[in-house]
Amino acid sequence: MPRNLSDALIGVLRDVTKGGEDVLARGQQQREIRGHVQTIARPNERVLILPGRANNIFAQIAETAWVMAGRDDMDFLVRYLPRAAEFSDDGRRWRAAYGPRLRSWGGKVDQCAEVVARLQEDPFTKRAAMSIFDPGVDYCDTLDVPCNNWLHFLQRKNQLHTSVAVRANDAIWGFSGINVFEWSVLQELIASSIGADVGEMHWYVGSMHVYDRHYRVAEKILRNPNPLSVYDFGVRPLPITTSIAGLDEVLDTFMRAEARARVGDYTSAAEEIDDPFFSASLTMLNAYNMLLNDCGHGRIIEELAKLPESDLRLAAVEYLTRRTDTDFGRELSLTPRERGFLAHHVRVSSEVSLTTSVA
């Protein structure tokens, strides 16, 4: 059983590479395995920093907050995920965005609140499920049909386990790019709401695949001779303490502060949010908007210095160093655990690049 997202991605890529079948679907060449099932032991270890996998932690945070807030507008999302516009029918909204379906199904049902209510009424219930695919509107000619279709939450021995059913999962952009991250946040929100610990995450995928545009990325990731994650160095994820009942208030503060950061007002509202994960996530988006607004790396470092030791801070340092070719880790007061991971990452990244270039 893979421990976390990093381990799970490597396992998926090995399976697809060794046992996958080449398929041409909807005009796109890909390698696919069918009926893929796996369990992730610690889904809250959601941050992915692997040599060869150019991940954007800021985009993951932004999209997750956007989903949890029940939004479907492109205006917010494309600042962090420009390619999102390619999957919008009208350039204004994602027709099949997960957020409205989870938070306001049919304009009426907050499925997140209903799942919490079921679990509070009966801790052993098997009825705590959320639907995403809507047969009433999704059998149509569109750029956007939901890939993730169903979520189920089961509490056993005071652990909340989550199952995710997916019709088709792109291993790079979908599974590892956003899906594990966003659903692990939702899992932890619901666990916090019922006073449970975060349990396992189970994946059931009809088509797990890698597109040909990502074959080279998969090859680089699998060349890693020592694929350790930040968590192997003792760095921990920041906990989510917000409940579903308090989520809208937290996200209202979050979204108002994010909107100010876009236009250069970095007056942080992070101290107004008690939740460690969402407070740090807001600081992260402040730093990213400073990058987009050309504030200079000194100001960005000041913002990142507000973050505690965490997987998020390391992901920010890795991304910004890669994006700007400036060593952000050198100027931050990082802990020995954080510096130990970064030293490992730099060393292995060099080995992977050398091996790839020689090959």
Protein backbone atom coordinates (compact mmCIF):
# COMPACT_ATOMS: atom_id res chain seq x y z
CA MET A 1 0.00 0.00 0.00
CA PRO A 2 1.48 3.39 -0.96
CA ARG A 3 2.00 5.68 2.01
CA ASN A 4 1.10 8.98 0.32
CA LEU A 5 0.58 10.75 -3.01
CA SER A 6 4.28 10.62 -3.91
CA ASP A 7 4.41 6.84 -3.48
CA ALA A 8 1.05 6.39 -5.20
CA LEU A 9 2.08 8.33 -8.31
CA ILE A 10 5.28 6.33 -8.72
CA GLY A 11 3.27 3.11 -8.40
CA VAL A 12 0.69 4.25 -10.93
CA LEU A 13 3.36 5.24 -13.46
CA ARG A 14 5.11 1.90 -13.06
CA ASP A 15 1.83 0.07 -13.64
CA VAL A 16 0.92 2.14 -16.69
CA THR A 17 4.42 1.93 -18.18
CA LYS A 18 4.83 -1.82 -17.69
CA GLY A 19 1.29 -3.09 -18.18
CA GLY A 20 -0.48 -0.34 -20.08
CA GLU A 21 -2.02 -0.61 -23.52
CA ASP A 22 -1.54 2.06 -26.17
CA VAL A 23 -4.90 3.64 -26.98
CA LEU A 24 -6.09 6.45 -29.25
CA ALA A 25 -9.14 8.02 -27.60
CA ARG A 26 -10.78 11.31 -28.60
CA GLY A 27 -7.83 12.00 -30.88
CA GLN A 28 -5.26 11.70 -28.09
CA GLN A 29 -2.59 9.01 -27.88
CA GLN A 30 -2.21 7.53 -24.41
CA ARG A 31 -1.13 4.47 -22.46
CA GLU A 32 -3.90 3.01 -20.32
CA ILE A 33 -4.61 0.42 -17.66
CA ARG A 34 -8.23 -0.51 -16.99
CA GLY A 35 -9.95 -1.15 -13.69
CA HIS A 36 -7.18 0.35 -11.58
CA VAL A 37 -7.62 0.09 -7.80
CA GLN A 38 -5.34 1.34 -5.06
CA THR A 39 -5.35 2.56 -1.46
CA ILE A 40 -3.35 5.50 -0.08
CA ALA A 41 -2.55 5.03 3.61
CA ARG A 42 -1.96 8.70 4.52
CA PRO A 43 -3.85 10.92 2.07
CA ASN A 44 -3.19 14.05 4.14
CA GLU A 45 0.46 13.70 3.06
CA ARG A 46 -0.74 15.41 -0.09
CA VAL A 47 2.19 17.57 -1.17
CA LEU A 48 4.11 16.30 -4.18
CA ILE A 49 7.76 17.24 -4.79
CA LEU A 50 9.40 14.73 -7.11
CA PRO A 51 12.29 15.26 -9.53
CA GLY A 52 10.91 15.39 -13.05
CA ARG A 53 7.39 16.27 -11.89
CA ALA A 54 7.13 20.05 -12.22
CA ASN A 55 4.27 20.48 -9.78
CA ASN A 56 2.61 23.81 -8.95
CA ILE A 57 1.53 23.80 -5.30
CA PHE A 58 -0.03 27.26 -5.65
CA ALA A 59 -2.38 26.08 -8.40
CA GLN A 60 -3.39 23.08 -6.27
CA ILE A 61 -4.21 25.31 -3.30
CA ALA A 62 -6.15 27.79 -5.43
CA GLU A 63 -8.20 25.17 -7.28
CA THR A 64 -8.99 23.30 -4.07
CA ALA A 65 -10.23 26.46 -2.33
CA TRP A 66 -12.26 27.29 -5.46
CA VAL A 67 -13.90 23.84 -5.41
CA MET A 68 -14.61 23.92 -1.67
CA ALA A 69 -16.20 27.36 -2.07
CA GLY A 70 -18.60 25.95 -4.66
CA ARG A 71 -17.36 28.15 -7.50
CA ASP A 72 -17.27 27.53 -11.25
CA ASP A 73 -15.95 30.87 -12.63
CA MET A 74 -12.91 31.04 -14.88
CA ASP A 75 -11.90 34.51 -13.66
CA PHE A 76 -10.55 33.12 -10.40
CA LEU A 77 -9.04 29.91 -11.69
CA VAL A 78 -7.12 30.93 -14.82
CA ARG A 79 -4.78 33.16 -12.83
CA TYR A 80 -3.34 30.03 -11.25
CA LEU A 81 -4.23 27.44 -13.90
CA PRO A 82 -4.22 29.11 -17.34
CA ARG A 83 -4.91 25.87 -19.20
CA ALA A 84 -8.29 25.61 -17.44
CA ALA A 85 -9.73 27.84 -20.15
CA GLU A 86 -9.13 25.05 -22.67
CA PHE A 87 -11.85 23.00 -20.96
CA SER A 88 -14.50 25.72 -20.76
CA ASP A 89 -17.30 25.77 -23.33
CA ASP A 90 -17.86 29.53 -23.09
CA GLY A 91 -14.62 30.87 -21.56
CA ARG A 92 -16.50 32.08 -18.48
CA ARG A 93 -17.19 28.98 -16.39
CA TRP A 94 -16.45 25.31 -16.04
CA ARG A 95 -19.76 23.72 -16.94
CA ALA A 96 -19.15 20.58 -14.87
CA ALA A 97 -17.14 22.14 -12.03
CA TYR A 98 -17.15 19.97 -8.91
CA GLY A 99 -17.78 22.82 -6.48
CA PRO A 100 -21.42 23.67 -7.29
CA ARG A 101 -22.31 19.99 -7.49
CA LEU A 102 -20.84 19.28 -4.06
CA ARG A 103 -21.93 22.46 -2.26
CA SER A 104 -25.24 23.16 -4.01
CA TRP A 105 -26.57 20.21 -6.02
CA GLY A 106 -29.50 21.42 -8.07
CA GLY A 107 -29.18 24.74 -6.29
CA LYS A 108 -30.49 23.13 -3.12
CA VAL A 109 -28.35 20.41 -1.51
CA ASP A 110 -25.00 20.94 0.20
CA GLN A 111 -23.74 17.37 -0.09
CA CYS A 112 -20.82 18.10 2.25
CA ALA A 113 -23.19 19.18 5.03
CA GLU A 114 -25.48 16.22 4.38
CA VAL A 115 -22.62 13.71 4.62
CA VAL A 116 -21.53 15.23 7.94
CA ALA A 117 -25.12 15.01 9.18
CA ARG A 118 -25.36 11.32 8.21
CA LEU A 119 -22.10 10.52 9.99
CA GLN A 120 -23.13 12.45 13.09
CA GLU A 121 -26.49 10.66 13.23
CA ASP A 122 -24.94 7.24 12.74
CA PRO A 123 -21.13 6.94 12.96
CA PHE A 124 -21.32 3.51 11.27
CA THR A 125 -23.50 4.60 8.35
CA LYS A 126 -22.69 3.39 4.84
CA ARG A 127 -24.90 6.07 3.28
CA ALA A 128 -22.50 9.03 3.41
CA ALA A 129 -22.05 9.42 -0.35
CA MET A 130 -21.71 12.37 -2.75
CA SER A 131 -22.54 12.34 -6.46
CA ILE A 132 -20.73 14.41 -9.06
CA PHE A 133 -21.70 12.97 -12.46
CA ASP A 134 -25.21 14.15 -13.33
CA PRO A 135 -26.93 12.05 -16.04
CA GLY A 136 -29.51 14.79 -16.47
CA VAL A 137 -26.96 17.23 -17.90
CA ASP A 138 -23.70 15.39 -18.62
CA TYR A 139 -24.71 13.35 -21.68
CA CYS A 140 -24.04 16.26 -24.02
CA ASP A 141 -21.52 17.68 -26.48
CA THR A 142 -19.14 19.60 -24.23
CA LEU A 143 -15.48 20.14 -23.39
CA ASP A 144 -16.16 19.42 -19.74
CA VAL A 145 -17.57 16.15 -18.38
CA PRO A 146 -16.61 15.35 -14.77
CA CYS A 147 -13.90 12.70 -14.50
CA ASN A 148 -14.39 12.13 -10.77
CA ASN A 149 -17.92 10.81 -10.34
CA TRP A 150 -18.60 9.64 -6.80
CA LEU A 151 -17.25 10.06 -3.27
CA HIS A 152 -18.01 7.88 -0.26
CA PHE A 153 -17.10 8.38 3.40
CA LEU A 154 -16.97 5.59 5.95
CA GLN A 155 -16.07 5.91 9.63
CA ARG A 156 -14.53 2.90 11.32
CA LYS A 157 -12.60 2.82 14.63
CA ASN A 158 -12.68 6.64 14.72
CA GLN A 159 -10.98 6.91 11.33
CA LEU A 160 -12.71 8.47 8.32
CA HIS A 161 -11.98 6.56 5.12
CA THR A 162 -12.76 7.95 1.68
CA SER A 163 -13.47 6.16 -1.59
CA VAL A 164 -13.28 7.92 -4.95
CA ALA A 165 -14.77 6.49 -8.15
CA VAL A 166 -13.35 7.94 -11.36
CA ARG A 167 -14.36 7.15 -14.93
CA ALA A 168 -10.97 8.25 -16.35
CA ASN A 169 -7.90 9.63 -14.61
CA ASP A 170 -4.93 11.38 -16.22
CA ALA A 171 -2.10 10.33 -13.90
CA ILE A 172 -0.15 13.58 -14.29
CA TRP A 173 -2.65 16.45 -14.54
CA GLY A 174 -5.61 14.77 -12.85
CA PHE A 175 -4.67 12.15 -10.26
CA SER A 176 -1.44 13.72 -9.02
CA GLY A 177 -2.07 17.27 -10.20
CA ILE A 178 -5.25 17.98 -8.25
CA ASN A 179 -7.54 15.05 -7.42
CA VAL A 180 -5.73 13.46 -4.45
CA PHE A 181 -4.95 16.92 -3.11
CA GLU A 182 -8.51 18.29 -3.27
CA TRP A 183 -10.26 15.15 -2.01
CA SER A 184 -7.79 14.73 0.84
CA VAL A 185 -8.64 18.28 1.94
CA LEU A 186 -12.35 17.45 1.80
CA GLN A 187 -11.71 14.19 3.70
CA GLU A 188 -9.90 16.09 6.45
CA LEU A 189 -12.63 18.74 6.61
CA ILE A 190 -15.26 16.06 7.16
CA ALA A 191 -13.06 14.20 9.65
CA SER A 192 -12.64 17.45 11.59
CA SER A 193 -16.41 17.96 11.52
CA ILE A 194 -17.13 14.61 13.20
CA GLY A 195 -14.08 14.44 15.47
CA ALA A 196 -12.43 11.56 13.59
CA ASP A 197 -8.90 10.95 12.38
CA VAL A 198 -8.05 10.84 8.68
CA GLY A 199 -8.06 7.26 7.45
CA GLU A 200 -7.30 5.69 4.09
CA MET A 201 -8.24 6.88 0.61
CA HIS A 202 -9.37 4.26 -1.91
CA TRP A 203 -9.30 4.84 -5.68
CA TYR A 204 -11.39 3.00 -8.25
CA VAL A 205 -10.56 4.10 -11.78
CA GLY A 206 -12.05 2.84 -15.03
CA SER A 207 -9.21 4.19 -17.18
CA MET A 208 -5.96 5.24 -15.53
CA HIS A 209 -3.74 6.68 -18.23
CA VAL A 210 -0.76 8.80 -19.22
CA TYR A 211 -1.06 10.99 -22.33
CA ASP A 212 1.79 10.95 -24.84
CA ARG A 213 2.57 14.58 -23.95
CA HIS A 214 3.58 13.28 -20.51
CA TYR A 215 5.59 10.19 -21.51
CA ARG A 216 8.84 12.07 -20.97
CA VAL A 217 7.67 13.32 -17.57
CA ALA A 218 6.78 9.79 -16.49
CA GLU A 219 10.17 8.55 -17.66
CA LYS A 220 11.99 11.18 -15.59
CA ILE A 221 9.96 10.39 -12.47
CA LEU A 222 10.65 6.68 -12.79
CA ARG A 223 14.40 7.28 -13.20
CA ASN A 224 14.52 8.50 -9.59
CA PRO A 225 16.91 6.12 -7.78
CA ASN A 226 15.71 7.16 -4.32
CA PRO A 227 12.15 8.55 -4.37
CA LEU A 228 11.78 10.01 -0.89
CA SER A 229 9.05 12.49 0.00
CA VAL A 230 9.18 15.44 2.40
CA TYR A 231 7.45 13.23 4.95
CA ASP A 232 10.32 10.75 4.97
CA PHE A 233 12.39 13.57 6.47
CA GLY A 234 9.95 14.14 9.33
CA VAL A 235 8.22 17.20 7.86
CA ARG A 236 4.52 17.09 8.65
CA PRO A 237 1.41 18.38 6.90
CA LEU A 238 -0.37 21.29 8.53
CA PRO A 239 -3.64 20.12 10.10
CA ILE A 240 -7.10 21.18 8.97
CA THR A 241 -9.21 22.09 12.00
CA THR A 242 -12.14 23.75 10.22
CA SER A 243 -15.49 21.97 10.11
CA ILE A 244 -17.87 21.95 7.16
CA ALA A 245 -20.17 24.17 9.25
CA GLY A 246 -17.44 26.80 9.54
CA LEU A 247 -15.97 26.38 6.07
CA ASP A 248 -17.88 29.16 4.30
CA GLU A 249 -16.78 31.76 6.85
CA VAL A 250 -13.14 30.70 6.48
CA LEU A 251 -13.34 30.71 2.68
CA ASP A 252 -15.08 34.10 2.60
CA THR A 253 -12.10 35.59 4.46
CA PHE A 254 -9.73 33.61 2.23
CA MET A 255 -11.31 34.74 -1.05
CA ARG A 256 -11.55 38.41 -0.07
CA ALA A 257 -7.85 38.44 0.87
CA GLU A 258 -6.90 36.62 -2.34
CA ALA A 259 -8.79 39.20 -4.41
CA ARG A 260 -6.82 42.01 -2.73
CA ALA A 261 -3.52 40.22 -3.34
CA ARG A 262 -4.21 40.09 -7.08
CA VAL A 263 -4.15 43.88 -7.25
CA GLY A 264 -1.12 44.31 -5.00
CA ASP A 265 -2.69 44.64 -1.55
CA TYR A 266 -0.87 42.00 0.47
CA THR A 267 -2.34 42.95 3.83
CA SER A 268 -2.53 39.42 5.08
CA ALA A 269 -5.75 38.12 6.52
CA ALA A 270 -4.01 34.88 7.45
CA GLU A 271 -4.07 35.80 11.15
CA GLU A 272 -7.88 36.04 10.92
CA ILE A 273 -8.01 32.33 10.06
CA ASP A 274 -7.34 29.97 12.95
CA ASP A 275 -7.06 26.88 10.75
CA PRO A 276 -3.33 26.10 10.22
CA PHE A 277 -3.78 24.73 6.68
CA PHE A 278 -6.01 27.49 5.33
CA SER A 279 -4.03 30.24 7.06
CA ALA A 280 -0.79 28.98 5.52
CA SER A 281 -2.50 28.48 2.15
CA LEU A 282 -3.54 32.12 2.12
CA THR A 283 0.03 33.20 2.86
CA MET A 284 1.13 30.95 -0.01
CA LEU A 285 -1.23 32.66 -2.45
CA ASN A 286 -0.03 36.05 -1.24
CA ALA A 287 3.52 34.99 -2.12
CA TYR A 288 2.46 33.67 -5.52
CA ASN A 289 0.63 36.87 -6.38
CA MET A 290 3.78 38.77 -5.45
CA LEU A 291 5.59 36.65 -8.03
CA LEU A 292 2.95 37.33 -10.68
CA ASN A 293 3.01 41.04 -9.85
CA ASP A 294 6.84 41.23 -10.11
CA CYS A 295 7.41 42.26 -6.50
CA GLY A 296 10.93 40.83 -6.34
CA HIS A 297 12.20 37.79 -4.53
CA GLY A 298 13.08 39.68 -1.34
CA ARG A 299 9.45 40.55 -0.69
CA ILE A 300 8.37 37.00 -1.50
CA ILE A 301 10.89 35.61 1.00
CA GLU A 302 9.49 37.92 3.68
CA GLU A 303 6.05 36.45 3.06
CA LEU A 304 7.25 32.84 3.03
CA ALA A 305 9.07 33.47 6.32
CA LYS A 306 5.64 33.76 7.96
CA LEU A 307 5.04 30.07 7.30
CA PRO A 308 5.92 27.42 9.89
CA GLU A 309 7.96 24.35 9.02
CA SER A 310 5.67 22.41 6.71
CA ASP A 311 5.22 20.51 3.50
CA LEU A 312 3.62 23.64 2.01
CA ARG A 313 6.65 25.82 2.70
CA LEU A 314 8.97 23.28 1.11
CA ALA A 315 6.73 23.02 -1.96
CA ALA A 316 6.77 26.81 -2.29
CA VAL A 317 10.57 26.94 -2.04
CA GLU A 318 10.99 24.16 -4.62
CA TYR A 319 8.56 25.72 -7.10
CA LEU A 320 9.87 29.28 -6.80
CA THR A 321 13.49 28.14 -7.08
CA ARG A 322 12.66 26.18 -10.21
CA ARG A 323 10.53 28.99 -11.68
CA THR A 324 12.92 31.89 -11.04
CA ASP A 325 16.33 30.18 -10.88
CA THR A 326 16.83 31.85 -7.48
CA ASP A 327 17.63 29.70 -4.44
CA PHE A 328 14.76 30.64 -2.12
CA GLY A 329 15.82 28.04 0.42
CA ARG A 330 19.17 29.73 0.99
CA GLU A 331 17.62 32.95 2.34
CA LEU A 332 14.89 31.41 4.48
CA SER A 333 15.41 30.17 8.04
CA LEU A 334 14.56 26.57 7.29
CA THR A 335 14.76 23.75 9.81
CA PRO A 336 17.31 20.92 9.53
CA ARG A 337 14.54 18.60 8.36
CA GLU A 338 13.55 20.98 5.58
CA ARG A 339 17.15 21.56 4.52
CA GLY A 340 17.78 17.82 4.58
CA PHE A 341 14.94 17.20 2.14
CA LEU A 342 15.95 20.06 -0.18
CA ALA A 343 19.54 18.78 -0.30
CA HIS A 344 18.25 15.33 -1.21
CA HIS A 345 15.89 16.76 -3.84
CA VAL A 346 18.59 18.83 -5.51
CA ARG A 347 21.01 15.89 -5.58
CA VAL A 348 18.48 13.45 -7.02
CA SER A 349 17.19 16.02 -9.51
CA SER A 350 20.72 16.38 -10.85
CA GLU A 351 21.10 12.61 -11.12
CA VAL A 352 17.79 12.28 -12.94
CA SER A 353 18.65 15.09 -15.37
CA LEU A 354 22.08 13.61 -16.07
CA THR A 355 20.70 10.11 -16.62
CA THR A 356 17.99 11.44 -18.92
CA SER A 357 20.39 13.51 -21.00
CA VAL A 358 22.79 10.56 -21.36
CA ALA A 359 19.93 8.23 -22.30
